[in-house]
Amino acid sequence: MNIKILKRHIALSKLGIVESDNSDAQLSYDFLMENLSEFTYHNIDRYPEYIFIKNHHKDIILEYNAMHSCMYMNHDPIWTFFRDKMNMEYEDIRELLIWWIQHIADIKIQYITSPSHVFSIK
């Protein structure tokens, strides 16, 4: 799936504009809304440099290090959905997730990583 087309579709969907000719993009948008749209933020005294972010299912899915603008997404279903269902490569998924989180959560991210067992990164 072309990442630029997907971002365009998502941006239009957020505005209420539906493109009927792109079912994969709509499926991706629906998936992101279900899994990455409502967050709660948690600080833990033991790790003051991190913000732990839970989704509405109460899973800690993101660990954000504000000092390094780096985020670790430890939620396998998100990575595997885009890898297996949308046939996206690691770099495209990363680009999409950074863009999505910056727009939804208003967090500035320079880098995001996945669980190492989802992608074998060389």
PDB file of N, CA and C in Angstrom:
ATOM      1  N   MET A   1       0.841  -1.183   0.000  1.00  0.00           N
ATOM      2  CA  MET A   1       0.000   0.000   0.000  1.00  0.00           C
ATOM      3  C   MET A   1       0.884   1.243   0.000  1.00  0.00           C
ATOM      4  N   ASN A   2       0.549   2.197  -0.812  1.00  0.00           N
ATOM      5  CA  ASN A   2       1.291   3.436  -0.916  1.00  0.00           C
ATOM      6  C   ASN A   2       1.030   4.295   0.318  1.00  0.00           C
ATOM      7  N   ILE A   3       2.099   4.642   1.028  1.00  0.00           N
ATOM      8  CA  ILE A   3       1.987   5.374   2.290  1.00  0.00           C
ATOM      9  C   ILE A   3       1.380   6.769   2.090  1.00  0.00           C
ATOM     10  N   LYS A   4       1.682   7.431   0.993  1.00  0.00           N
ATOM     11  CA  LYS A   4       1.133   8.772   0.741  1.00  0.00           C
ATOM     12  C   LYS A   4      -0.374   8.707   0.510  1.00  0.00           C
ATOM     13  N   ILE A   5      -0.810   7.704  -0.233  1.00  0.00           N
ATOM     14  CA  ILE A   5      -2.253   7.537  -0.467  1.00  0.00           C
ATOM     15  C   ILE A   5      -2.963   7.220   0.844  1.00  0.00           C
ATOM     16  N   LEU A   6      -2.342   6.366   1.657  1.00  0.00           N
ATOM     17  CA  LEU A   6      -2.936   6.006   2.942  1.00  0.00           C
ATOM     18  C   LEU A   6      -3.058   7.227   3.859  1.00  0.00           C
ATOM     19  N   LYS A   7      -2.006   8.033   3.957  1.00  0.00           N
ATOM     20  CA  LYS A   7      -2.059   9.243   4.799  1.00  0.00           C
ATOM     21  C   LYS A   7      -3.144  10.197   4.304  1.00  0.00           C
ATOM     22  N   ARG A   8      -3.233  10.369   2.997  1.00  0.00           N
ATOM     23  CA  ARG A   8      -4.261  11.244   2.420  1.00  0.00           C
ATOM     24  C   ARG A   8      -5.655  10.748   2.779  1.00  0.00           C
ATOM     25  N   HIS A   9      -5.880   9.468   2.620  1.00  0.00           N
ATOM     26  CA  HIS A   9      -7.184   8.899   2.928  1.00  0.00           C
ATOM     27  C   HIS A   9      -7.530   9.086   4.412  1.00  0.00           C
ATOM     28  N   ILE A  10      -6.557   8.832   5.274  1.00  0.00           N
ATOM     29  CA  ILE A  10      -6.784   8.982   6.714  1.00  0.00           C
ATOM     30  C   ILE A  10      -7.112  10.428   7.055  1.00  0.00           C
ATOM     31  N   ALA A  11      -6.356  11.365   6.486  1.00  0.00           N
ATOM     32  CA  ALA A  11      -6.614  12.785   6.754  1.00  0.00           C
ATOM     33  C   ALA A  11      -8.015  13.171   6.300  1.00  0.00           C
ATOM     34  N   LEU A  12      -8.422  12.707   5.135  1.00  0.00           N
ATOM     35  CA  LEU A  12      -9.774  13.004   4.646  1.00  0.00           C
ATOM     36  C   LEU A  12     -10.839  12.344   5.518  1.00  0.00           C
ATOM     37  N   SER A  13     -10.590  11.116   5.943  1.00  0.00           N
ATOM     38  CA  SER A  13     -11.554  10.416   6.799  1.00  0.00           C
ATOM     39  C   SER A  13     -11.759  11.148   8.120  1.00  0.00           C
ATOM     40  N   LYS A  14     -10.669  11.693   8.677  1.00  0.00           N
ATOM     41  CA  LYS A  14     -10.786  12.455   9.922  1.00  0.00           C
ATOM     42  C   LYS A  14     -11.642  13.698   9.731  1.00  0.00           C
ATOM     43  N   LEU A  15     -11.700  14.201   8.502  1.00  0.00           N
ATOM     44  CA  LEU A  15     -12.539  15.362   8.190  1.00  0.00           C
ATOM     45  C   LEU A  15     -13.958  14.972   7.812  1.00  0.00           C
ATOM     46  N   GLY A  16     -14.223  13.657   7.773  1.00  0.00           N
ATOM     47  CA  GLY A  16     -15.555  13.185   7.419  1.00  0.00           C
ATOM     48  C   GLY A  16     -15.753  12.977   5.927  1.00  0.00           C
ATOM     49  N   ILE A  17     -14.682  13.055   5.161  1.00  0.00           N
ATOM     50  CA  ILE A  17     -14.756  12.843   3.712  1.00  0.00           C
ATOM     51  C   ILE A  17     -14.368  11.399   3.429  1.00  0.00           C
ATOM     52  N   VAL A  18     -15.280  10.642   2.838  1.00  0.00           N
ATOM     53  CA  VAL A  18     -15.043   9.224   2.594  1.00  0.00           C
ATOM     54  C   VAL A  18     -14.768   8.991   1.117  1.00  0.00           C
ATOM     55  N   GLU A  19     -13.672   8.309   0.848  1.00  0.00           N
ATOM     56  CA  GLU A  19     -13.328   7.925  -0.519  1.00  0.00           C
ATOM     57  C   GLU A  19     -13.773   6.476  -0.711  1.00  0.00           C
ATOM     58  N   SER A  20     -14.739   6.253  -1.544  1.00  0.00           N
ATOM     59  CA  SER A  20     -15.311   4.918  -1.685  1.00  0.00           C
ATOM     60  C   SER A  20     -14.423   3.960  -2.466  1.00  0.00           C
ATOM     61  N   ASP A  21     -13.421   4.453  -3.151  1.00  0.00           N
ATOM     62  CA  ASP A  21     -12.610   3.590  -4.005  1.00  0.00           C
ATOM     63  C   ASP A  21     -11.363   3.037  -3.331  1.00  0.00           C
ATOM     64  N   ASN A  22     -11.209   3.197  -2.033  1.00  0.00           N
ATOM     65  CA  ASN A  22      -9.996   2.740  -1.376  1.00  0.00           C
ATOM     66  C   ASN A  22     -10.321   1.965  -0.105  1.00  0.00           C
ATOM     67  N   SER A  23     -10.730   0.715  -0.266  1.00  0.00           N
ATOM     68  CA  SER A  23     -11.168  -0.081   0.884  1.00  0.00           C
ATOM     69  C   SER A  23     -10.007  -0.442   1.812  1.00  0.00           C
ATOM     70  N   ASP A  24      -8.784  -0.653   1.286  1.00  0.00           N
ATOM     71  CA  ASP A  24      -7.643  -0.946   2.148  1.00  0.00           C
ATOM     72  C   ASP A  24      -7.315   0.243   3.042  1.00  0.00           C
ATOM     73  N   ALA A  25      -7.365   1.422   2.488  1.00  0.00           N
ATOM     74  CA  ALA A  25      -7.090   2.616   3.279  1.00  0.00           C
ATOM     75  C   ALA A  25      -8.164   2.806   4.348  1.00  0.00           C
ATOM     76  N   GLN A  26      -9.418   2.540   4.009  1.00  0.00           N
ATOM     77  CA  GLN A  26     -10.496   2.658   4.993  1.00  0.00           C
ATOM     78  C   GLN A  26     -10.335   1.618   6.100  1.00  0.00           C
ATOM     79  N   LEU A  27      -9.949   0.407   5.727  1.00  0.00           N
ATOM     80  CA  LEU A  27      -9.698  -0.637   6.718  1.00  0.00           C
ATOM     81  C   LEU A  27      -8.569  -0.224   7.653  1.00  0.00           C
ATOM     82  N   SER A  28      -7.522   0.371   7.109  1.00  0.00           N
ATOM     83  CA  SER A  28      -6.399   0.848   7.929  1.00  0.00           C
ATOM     84  C   SER A  28      -6.844   1.961   8.866  1.00  0.00           C
ATOM     85  N   TYR A  29      -7.620   2.893   8.344  1.00  0.00           N
ATOM     86  CA  TYR A  29      -8.130   3.996   9.172  1.00  0.00           C
ATOM     87  C   TYR A  29      -8.998   3.452  10.312  1.00  0.00           C
ATOM     88  N   ASP A  30      -9.899   2.550   9.995  1.00  0.00           N
ATOM     89  CA  ASP A  30     -10.768   1.968  11.025  1.00  0.00           C
ATOM     90  C   ASP A  30      -9.950   1.241  12.084  1.00  0.00           C
ATOM     91  N   PHE A  31      -8.930   0.524  11.640  1.00  0.00           N
ATOM     92  CA  PHE A  31      -8.061  -0.202  12.572  1.00  0.00           C
ATOM     93  C   PHE A  31      -7.327   0.766  13.501  1.00  0.00           C
ATOM     94  N   LEU A  32      -6.776   1.840  12.941  1.00  0.00           N
ATOM     95  CA  LEU A  32      -6.073   2.829  13.758  1.00  0.00           C
ATOM     96  C   LEU A  32      -7.024   3.506  14.751  1.00  0.00           C
ATOM     97  N   MET A  33      -8.221   3.826  14.299  1.00  0.00           N
ATOM     98  CA  MET A  33      -9.197   4.454  15.205  1.00  0.00           C
ATOM     99  C   MET A  33      -9.563   3.519  16.353  1.00  0.00           C
ATOM    100  N   GLU A  34      -9.682   2.254  16.064  1.00  0.00           N
ATOM    101  CA  GLU A  34     -10.035   1.274  17.101  1.00  0.00           C
ATOM    102  C   GLU A  34      -8.895   1.056  18.099  1.00  0.00           C
ATOM    103  N   ASN A  35      -7.662   1.066  17.629  1.00  0.00           N
ATOM    104  CA  ASN A  35      -6.539   0.685  18.474  1.00  0.00           C
ATOM    105  C   ASN A  35      -5.637   1.823  18.929  1.00  0.00           C
ATOM    106  N   LEU A  36      -5.658   2.947  18.224  1.00  0.00           N
ATOM    107  CA  LEU A  36      -4.725   4.036  18.543  1.00  0.00           C
ATOM    108  C   LEU A  36      -5.387   5.403  18.464  1.00  0.00           C
ATOM    109  N   SER A  37      -6.520   5.557  19.133  1.00  0.00           N
ATOM    110  CA  SER A  37      -7.144   6.876  19.072  1.00  0.00           C
ATOM    111  C   SER A  37      -7.482   7.452  20.434  1.00  0.00           C
ATOM    112  N   GLU A  38      -7.615   6.632  21.434  1.00  0.00           N
ATOM    113  CA  GLU A  38      -7.928   7.121  22.778  1.00  0.00           C
ATOM    114  C   GLU A  38      -6.817   6.679  23.714  1.00  0.00           C
ATOM    115  N   PHE A  39      -6.126   7.656  24.299  1.00  0.00           N
ATOM    116  CA  PHE A  39      -4.973   7.350  25.130  1.00  0.00           C
ATOM    117  C   PHE A  39      -5.151   7.876  26.552  1.00  0.00           C
ATOM    118  N   THR A  40      -4.509   7.197  27.488  1.00  0.00           N
ATOM    119  CA  THR A  40      -4.294   7.749  28.828  1.00  0.00           C
ATOM    120  C   THR A  40      -2.786   7.710  29.069  1.00  0.00           C
ATOM    121  N   TYR A  41      -2.296   8.709  29.773  1.00  0.00           N
ATOM    122  CA  TYR A  41      -0.867   8.883  29.979  1.00  0.00           C
ATOM    123  C   TYR A  41      -0.523   8.609  31.432  1.00  0.00           C
ATOM    124  N   HIS A  42       0.609   7.922  31.650  1.00  0.00           N
ATOM    125  CA  HIS A  42       1.000   7.528  33.000  1.00  0.00           C
ATOM    126  C   HIS A  42       2.494   7.762  33.193  1.00  0.00           C
ATOM    127  N   ASN A  43       2.822   8.350  34.335  1.00  0.00           N
ATOM    128  CA  ASN A  43       4.214   8.497  34.736  1.00  0.00           C
ATOM    129  C   ASN A  43       4.462   7.530  35.877  1.00  0.00           C
ATOM    130  N   ILE A  44       5.646   6.966  35.896  1.00  0.00           N
ATOM    131  CA  ILE A  44       6.035   6.043  36.952  1.00  0.00           C
ATOM    132  C   ILE A  44       7.303   6.604  37.580  1.00  0.00           C
ATOM    133  N   ASP A  45       7.285   6.764  38.908  1.00  0.00           N
ATOM    134  CA  ASP A  45       8.423   7.362  39.604  1.00  0.00           C
ATOM    135  C   ASP A  45       9.741   6.658  39.287  1.00  0.00           C
ATOM    136  N   ARG A  46       9.681   5.366  39.110  1.00  0.00           N
ATOM    137  CA  ARG A  46      10.893   4.582  38.856  1.00  0.00           C
ATOM    138  C   ARG A  46      11.531   4.927  37.498  1.00  0.00           C
ATOM    139  N   TYR A  47      10.720   5.389  36.547  1.00  0.00           N
ATOM    140  CA  TYR A  47      11.200   5.737  35.209  1.00  0.00           C
ATOM    141  C   TYR A  47      10.757   7.160  34.852  1.00  0.00           C
ATOM    142  N   PRO A  48      11.348   8.169  35.468  1.00  0.00           N
ATOM    143  CA  PRO A  48      10.864   9.543  35.278  1.00  0.00           C
ATOM    144  C   PRO A  48      11.029  10.083  33.858  1.00  0.00           C
ATOM    145  N   GLU A  49      11.928   9.505  33.081  1.00  0.00           N
ATOM    146  CA  GLU A  49      12.146  10.005  31.721  1.00  0.00           C
ATOM    147  C   GLU A  49      11.141   9.448  30.724  1.00  0.00           C
ATOM    148  N   TYR A  50      10.288   8.533  31.158  1.00  0.00           N
ATOM    149  CA  TYR A  50       9.326   7.902  30.261  1.00  0.00           C
ATOM    150  C   TYR A  50       7.886   8.298  30.568  1.00  0.00           C
ATOM    151  N   ILE A  51       7.088   8.322  29.525  1.00  0.00           N
ATOM    152  CA  ILE A  51       5.635   8.417  29.656  1.00  0.00           C
ATOM    153  C   ILE A  51       5.088   7.119  29.084  1.00  0.00           C
ATOM    154  N   PHE A  52       4.291   6.421  29.871  1.00  0.00           N
ATOM    155  CA  PHE A  52       3.678   5.189  29.423  1.00  0.00           C
ATOM    156  C   PHE A  52       2.259   5.501  28.968  1.00  0.00           C
ATOM    157  N   ILE A  53       1.919   5.031  27.796  1.00  0.00           N
ATOM    158  CA  ILE A  53       0.652   5.387  27.180  1.00  0.00           C
ATOM    159  C   ILE A  53      -0.179   4.131  26.981  1.00  0.00           C
ATOM    160  N   LYS A  54      -1.407   4.183  27.497  1.00  0.00           N
ATOM    161  CA  LYS A  54      -2.325   3.055  27.361  1.00  0.00           C
ATOM    162  C   LYS A  54      -3.411   3.402  26.351  1.00  0.00           C
ATOM    163  N   ASN A  55      -3.877   2.378  25.640  1.00  0.00           N
ATOM    164  CA  ASN A  55      -5.034   2.586  24.764  1.00  0.00           C
ATOM    165  C   ASN A  55      -6.310   2.336  25.567  1.00  0.00           C
ATOM    166  N   HIS A  56      -7.452   2.450  24.932  1.00  0.00           N
ATOM    167  CA  HIS A  56      -8.717   2.312  25.657  1.00  0.00           C
ATOM    168  C   HIS A  56      -8.980   0.883  26.122  1.00  0.00           C
ATOM    169  N   HIS A  57      -8.169  -0.084  25.649  1.00  0.00           N
ATOM    170  CA  HIS A  57      -8.271  -1.457  26.148  1.00  0.00           C
ATOM    171  C   HIS A  57      -7.459  -1.627  27.432  1.00  0.00           C
ATOM    172  N   LYS A  58      -6.804  -0.565  27.874  1.00  0.00           N
ATOM    173  CA  LYS A  58      -5.976  -0.518  29.077  1.00  0.00           C
ATOM    174  C   LYS A  58      -4.646  -1.244  28.920  1.00  0.00           C
ATOM    175  N   ASP A  59      -4.231  -1.493  27.688  1.00  0.00           N
ATOM    176  CA  ASP A  59      -2.922  -2.081  27.425  1.00  0.00           C
ATOM    177  C   ASP A  59      -1.898  -0.958  27.338  1.00  0.00           C
ATOM    178  N   ILE A  60      -0.736  -1.150  27.962  1.00  0.00           N
ATOM    179  CA  ILE A  60       0.350  -0.198  27.747  1.00  0.00           C
ATOM    180  C   ILE A  60       0.917  -0.529  26.373  1.00  0.00           C
ATOM    181  N   ILE A  61       0.708   0.363  25.445  1.00  0.00           N
ATOM    182  CA  ILE A  61       1.132   0.070  24.085  1.00  0.00           C
ATOM    183  C   ILE A  61       2.289   0.938  23.623  1.00  0.00           C
ATOM    184  N   LEU A  62       2.511   2.055  24.310  1.00  0.00           N
ATOM    185  CA  LEU A  62       3.575   2.972  23.906  1.00  0.00           C
ATOM    186  C   LEU A  62       4.399   3.379  25.111  1.00  0.00           C
ATOM    187  N   GLU A  63       5.695   3.412  24.915  1.00  0.00           N
ATOM    188  CA  GLU A  63       6.604   3.952  25.913  1.00  0.00           C
ATOM    189  C   GLU A  63       7.334   5.099  25.228  1.00  0.00           C
ATOM    190  N   TYR A  64       7.170   6.290  25.759  1.00  0.00           N
ATOM    191  CA  TYR A  64       7.717   7.478  25.119  1.00  0.00           C
ATOM    192  C   TYR A  64       8.833   8.062  25.965  1.00  0.00           C
ATOM    193  N   ASN A  65      10.004   8.217  25.374  1.00  0.00           N
ATOM    194  CA  ASN A  65      11.137   8.853  26.024  1.00  0.00           C
ATOM    195  C   ASN A  65      11.243  10.265  25.470  1.00  0.00           C
ATOM    196  N   ALA A  66      10.770  11.234  26.241  1.00  0.00           N
ATOM    197  CA  ALA A  66      10.712  12.619  25.766  1.00  0.00           C
ATOM    198  C   ALA A  66      12.102  13.205  25.545  1.00  0.00           C
ATOM    199  N   MET A  67      13.074  12.758  26.320  1.00  0.00           N
ATOM    200  CA  MET A  67      14.426  13.292  26.189  1.00  0.00           C
ATOM    201  C   MET A  67      15.003  12.981  24.802  1.00  0.00           C
ATOM    202  N   HIS A  68      14.655  11.820  24.253  1.00  0.00           N
ATOM    203  CA  HIS A  68      15.204  11.409  22.963  1.00  0.00           C
ATOM    204  C   HIS A  68      14.172  11.423  21.835  1.00  0.00           C
ATOM    205  N   SER A  69      12.948  11.840  22.132  1.00  0.00           N
ATOM    206  CA  SER A  69      11.851  11.848  21.151  1.00  0.00           C
ATOM    207  C   SER A  69      11.702  10.488  20.482  1.00  0.00           C
ATOM    208  N   CYS A  70      11.845   9.454  21.280  1.00  0.00           N
ATOM    209  CA  CYS A  70      11.795   8.090  20.780  1.00  0.00           C
ATOM    210  C   CYS A  70      10.617   7.359  21.422  1.00  0.00           C
ATOM    211  N   MET A  71       9.946   6.552  20.637  1.00  0.00           N
ATOM    212  CA  MET A  71       8.808   5.810  21.142  1.00  0.00           C
ATOM    213  C   MET A  71       8.971   4.339  20.800  1.00  0.00           C
ATOM    214  N   TYR A  72       8.633   3.500  21.764  1.00  0.00           N
ATOM    215  CA  TYR A  72       8.635   2.061  21.559  1.00  0.00           C
ATOM    216  C   TYR A  72       7.186   1.599  21.588  1.00  0.00           C
ATOM    217  N   MET A  73       6.750   0.969  20.527  1.00  0.00           N
ATOM    218  CA  MET A  73       5.382   0.455  20.475  1.00  0.00           C
ATOM    219  C   MET A  73       5.449  -1.052  20.672  1.00  0.00           C
ATOM    220  N   ASN A  74       4.985  -1.497  21.818  1.00  0.00           N
ATOM    221  CA  ASN A  74       5.092  -2.908  22.145  1.00  0.00           C
ATOM    222  C   ASN A  74       3.769  -3.650  21.951  1.00  0.00           C
ATOM    223  N   HIS A  75       3.005  -3.220  21.000  1.00  0.00           N
ATOM    224  CA  HIS A  75       1.687  -3.815  20.762  1.00  0.00           C
ATOM    225  C   HIS A  75       1.722  -4.565  19.429  1.00  0.00           C
ATOM    226  N   ASP A  76       2.023  -5.853  19.498  1.00  0.00           N
ATOM    227  CA  ASP A  76       2.192  -6.673  18.296  1.00  0.00           C
ATOM    228  C   ASP A  76       1.048  -6.578  17.291  1.00  0.00           C
ATOM    229  N   PRO A  77      -0.223  -6.586  17.723  1.00  0.00           N
ATOM    230  CA  PRO A  77      -1.299  -6.574  16.729  1.00  0.00           C
ATOM    231  C   PRO A  77      -1.242  -5.404  15.762  1.00  0.00           C
ATOM    232  N   ILE A  78      -0.742  -4.274  16.198  1.00  0.00           N
ATOM    233  CA  ILE A  78      -0.673  -3.115  15.307  1.00  0.00           C
ATOM    234  C   ILE A  78       0.369  -3.357  14.219  1.00  0.00           C
ATOM    235  N   TRP A  79       1.550  -3.782  14.614  1.00  0.00           N
ATOM    236  CA  TRP A  79       2.600  -4.042  13.627  1.00  0.00           C
ATOM    237  C   TRP A  79       2.201  -5.182  12.693  1.00  0.00           C
ATOM    238  N   THR A  80       1.664  -6.259  13.254  1.00  0.00           N
ATOM    239  CA  THR A  80       1.333  -7.415  12.420  1.00  0.00           C
ATOM    240  C   THR A  80       0.155  -7.129  11.485  1.00  0.00           C
ATOM    241  N   PHE A  81      -0.789  -6.297  11.899  1.00  0.00           N
ATOM    242  CA  PHE A  81      -1.893  -5.922  11.013  1.00  0.00           C
ATOM    243  C   PHE A  81      -1.352  -5.281   9.734  1.00  0.00           C
ATOM    244  N   PHE A  82      -0.488  -4.300   9.896  1.00  0.00           N
ATOM    245  CA  PHE A  82       0.022  -3.592   8.724  1.00  0.00           C
ATOM    246  C   PHE A  82       0.996  -4.457   7.911  1.00  0.00           C
ATOM    247  N   ARG A  83       1.731  -5.318   8.584  1.00  0.00           N
ATOM    248  CA  ARG A  83       2.644  -6.206   7.862  1.00  0.00           C
ATOM    249  C   ARG A  83       1.874  -7.276   7.087  1.00  0.00           C
ATOM    250  N   ASP A  84       0.939  -7.946   7.750  1.00  0.00           N
ATOM    251  CA  ASP A  84       0.268  -9.103   7.150  1.00  0.00           C
ATOM    252  C   ASP A  84      -0.959  -8.744   6.320  1.00  0.00           C
ATOM    253  N   LYS A  85      -1.807  -7.875   6.823  1.00  0.00           N
ATOM    254  CA  LYS A  85      -3.050  -7.545   6.113  1.00  0.00           C
ATOM    255  C   LYS A  85      -2.860  -6.492   5.028  1.00  0.00           C
ATOM    256  N   MET A  86      -1.977  -5.521   5.293  1.00  0.00           N
ATOM    257  CA  MET A  86      -1.781  -4.431   4.341  1.00  0.00           C
ATOM    258  C   MET A  86      -0.512  -4.601   3.513  1.00  0.00           C
ATOM    259  N   ASN A  87       0.254  -5.660   3.795  1.00  0.00           N
ATOM    260  CA  ASN A  87       1.493  -5.950   3.056  1.00  0.00           C
ATOM    261  C   ASN A  87       2.465  -4.774   3.052  1.00  0.00           C
ATOM    262  N   MET A  88       2.590  -4.113   4.184  1.00  0.00           N
ATOM    263  CA  MET A  88       3.477  -2.961   4.289  1.00  0.00           C
ATOM    264  C   MET A  88       4.828  -3.388   4.850  1.00  0.00           C
ATOM    265  N   GLU A  89       5.856  -2.687   4.442  1.00  0.00           N
ATOM    266  CA  GLU A  89       7.207  -2.918   4.939  1.00  0.00           C
ATOM    267  C   GLU A  89       7.408  -2.149   6.239  1.00  0.00           C
ATOM    268  N   TYR A  90       8.420  -2.561   6.990  1.00  0.00           N
ATOM    269  CA  TYR A  90       8.713  -1.982   8.294  1.00  0.00           C
ATOM    270  C   TYR A  90       8.834  -0.455   8.244  1.00  0.00           C
ATOM    271  N   GLU A  91       9.613   0.067   7.307  1.00  0.00           N
ATOM    272  CA  GLU A  91       9.830   1.515   7.238  1.00  0.00           C
ATOM    273  C   GLU A  91       8.530   2.278   6.958  1.00  0.00           C
ATOM    274  N   ASP A  92       7.670   1.723   6.103  1.00  0.00           N
ATOM    275  CA  ASP A  92       6.392   2.378   5.811  1.00  0.00           C
ATOM    276  C   ASP A  92       5.465   2.354   7.022  1.00  0.00           C
ATOM    277  N   ILE A  93       5.467   1.249   7.739  1.00  0.00           N
ATOM    278  CA  ILE A  93       4.646   1.166   8.957  1.00  0.00           C
ATOM    279  C   ILE A  93       5.144   2.178   9.974  1.00  0.00           C
ATOM    280  N   ARG A  94       6.438   2.235  10.147  1.00  0.00           N
ATOM    281  CA  ARG A  94       7.021   3.209  11.076  1.00  0.00           C
ATOM    282  C   ARG A  94       6.643   4.631  10.704  1.00  0.00           C
ATOM    283  N   GLU A  95       6.756   4.972   9.437  1.00  0.00           N
ATOM    284  CA  GLU A  95       6.406   6.318   8.977  1.00  0.00           C
ATOM    285  C   GLU A  95       4.934   6.619   9.252  1.00  0.00           C
ATOM    286  N   LEU A  96       4.063   5.656   8.951  1.00  0.00           N
ATOM    287  CA  LEU A  96       2.636   5.840   9.186  1.00  0.00           C
ATOM    288  C   LEU A  96       2.344   6.024  10.674  1.00  0.00           C
ATOM    289  N   LEU A  97       2.926   5.196  11.528  1.00  0.00           N
ATOM    290  CA  LEU A  97       2.651   5.282  12.967  1.00  0.00           C
ATOM    291  C   LEU A  97       3.175   6.575  13.578  1.00  0.00           C
ATOM    292  N   ILE A  98       4.336   7.021  13.146  1.00  0.00           N
ATOM    293  CA  ILE A  98       4.855   8.308  13.630  1.00  0.00           C
ATOM    294  C   ILE A  98       3.891   9.422  13.235  1.00  0.00           C
ATOM    295  N   TRP A  99       3.491   9.433  11.981  1.00  0.00           N
ATOM    296  CA  TRP A  99       2.557  10.459  11.489  1.00  0.00           C
ATOM    297  C   TRP A  99       1.241  10.401  12.269  1.00  0.00           C
ATOM    298  N   TRP A 100       0.692   9.205  12.456  1.00  0.00           N
ATOM    299  CA  TRP A 100      -0.582   9.042  13.155  1.00  0.00           C
ATOM    300  C   TRP A 100      -0.494   9.525  14.593  1.00  0.00           C
ATOM    301  N   ILE A 101       0.514   9.093  15.332  1.00  0.00           N
ATOM    302  CA  ILE A 101       0.638   9.451  16.750  1.00  0.00           C
ATOM    303  C   ILE A 101       0.890  10.943  16.904  1.00  0.00           C
ATOM    304  N   GLN A 102       1.677  11.534  16.020  1.00  0.00           N
ATOM    305  CA  GLN A 102       1.897  12.977  16.098  1.00  0.00           C
ATOM    306  C   GLN A 102       0.597  13.746  15.910  1.00  0.00           C
ATOM    307  N   HIS A 103      -0.289  13.243  15.057  1.00  0.00           N
ATOM    308  CA  HIS A 103      -1.561  13.928  14.816  1.00  0.00           C
ATOM    309  C   HIS A 103      -2.612  13.629  15.883  1.00  0.00           C
ATOM    310  N   ILE A 104      -2.672  12.409  16.344  1.00  0.00           N
ATOM    311  CA  ILE A 104      -3.702  12.019  17.322  1.00  0.00           C
ATOM    312  C   ILE A 104      -3.319  12.434  18.741  1.00  0.00           C
ATOM    313  N   ALA A 105      -2.079  12.141  19.135  1.00  0.00           N
ATOM    314  CA  ALA A 105      -1.657  12.379  20.518  1.00  0.00           C
ATOM    315  C   ALA A 105      -0.894  13.680  20.696  1.00  0.00           C
ATOM    316  N   ASP A 106      -0.586  14.365  19.592  1.00  0.00           N
ATOM    317  CA  ASP A 106       0.170  15.613  19.638  1.00  0.00           C
ATOM    318  C   ASP A 106       1.493  15.437  20.391  1.00  0.00           C
ATOM    319  N   ILE A 107       2.186  14.340  20.070  1.00  0.00           N
ATOM    320  CA  ILE A 107       3.499  14.051  20.636  1.00  0.00           C
ATOM    321  C   ILE A 107       4.503  14.117  19.492  1.00  0.00           C
ATOM    322  N   LYS A 108       5.587  14.807  19.721  1.00  0.00           N
ATOM    323  CA  LYS A 108       6.631  14.906  18.696  1.00  0.00           C
ATOM    324  C   LYS A 108       7.552  13.698  18.819  1.00  0.00           C
ATOM    325  N   ILE A 109       7.604  12.906  17.752  1.00  0.00           N
ATOM    326  CA  ILE A 109       8.402  11.685  17.739  1.00  0.00           C
ATOM    327  C   ILE A 109       9.392  11.770  16.581  1.00  0.00           C
ATOM    328  N   GLN A 110      10.624  11.420  16.856  1.00  0.00           N
ATOM    329  CA  GLN A 110      11.630  11.336  15.802  1.00  0.00           C
ATOM    330  C   GLN A 110      11.794   9.898  15.326  1.00  0.00           C
ATOM    331  N   TYR A 111      11.530   8.946  16.218  1.00  0.00           N
ATOM    332  CA  TYR A 111      11.815   7.544  15.921  1.00  0.00           C
ATOM    333  C   TYR A 111      10.834   6.659  16.677  1.00  0.00           C
ATOM    334  N   ILE A 112      10.422   5.561  16.054  1.00  0.00           N
ATOM    335  CA  ILE A 112       9.561   4.589  16.712  1.00  0.00           C
ATOM    336  C   ILE A 112      10.080   3.202  16.372  1.00  0.00           C
ATOM    337  N   THR A 113      10.041   2.307  17.333  1.00  0.00           N
ATOM    338  CA  THR A 113      10.516   0.946  17.115  1.00  0.00           C
ATOM    339  C   THR A 113       9.415  -0.051  17.429  1.00  0.00           C
ATOM    340  N   SER A 114       9.590  -1.248  16.894  1.00  0.00           N
ATOM    341  CA  SER A 114       8.625  -2.326  17.091  1.00  0.00           C
ATOM    342  C   SER A 114       9.232  -3.395  17.984  1.00  0.00           C
ATOM    343  N   PRO A 115       8.392  -4.326  18.448  1.00  0.00           N
ATOM    344  CA  PRO A 115       8.948  -5.496  19.132  1.00  0.00           C
ATOM    345  C   PRO A 115       9.849  -6.252  18.149  1.00  0.00           C
ATOM    346  N   SER A 116      10.990  -6.696  18.608  1.00  0.00           N
ATOM    347  CA  SER A 116      11.970  -7.298  17.699  1.00  0.00           C
ATOM    348  C   SER A 116      11.485  -8.605  17.078  1.00  0.00           C
ATOM    349  N   HIS A 117      10.557  -9.294  17.720  1.00  0.00           N
ATOM    350  CA  HIS A 117      10.101 -10.562  17.146  1.00  0.00           C
ATOM    351  C   HIS A 117       9.056 -10.388  16.037  1.00  0.00           C
ATOM    352  N   VAL A 118       8.505  -9.193  15.884  1.00  0.00           N
ATOM    353  CA  VAL A 118       7.535  -8.966  14.808  1.00  0.00           C
ATOM    354  C   VAL A 118       8.267  -8.812  13.477  1.00  0.00           C
ATOM    355  N   PHE A 119       9.365  -8.060  13.488  1.00  0.00           N
ATOM    356  CA  PHE A 119      10.202  -7.893  12.307  1.00  0.00           C
ATOM    357  C   PHE A 119      11.605  -8.336  12.692  1.00  0.00           C
ATOM    358  N   SER A 120      12.219  -9.111  11.854  1.00  0.00           N
ATOM    359  CA  SER A 120      13.609  -9.445  12.109  1.00  0.00           C
ATOM    360  C   SER A 120      14.450  -8.389  11.419  1.00  0.00           C
ATOM    361  N   ILE A 121      14.949  -7.462  12.206  1.00  0.00           N
ATOM    362  CA  ILE A 121      15.693  -6.314  11.682  1.00  0.00           C
ATOM    363  C   ILE A 121      17.172  -6.668  11.679  1.00  0.00           C
ATOM    364  N   LYS A 122      17.785  -6.466  10.545  1.00  0.00           N
ATOM    365  CA  LYS A 122      19.201  -6.825  10.412  1.00  0.00           C
ATOM    366  C   LYS A 122      20.074  -5.628  10.626  1.00  0.00           C
TER     367      LYS A 122
END
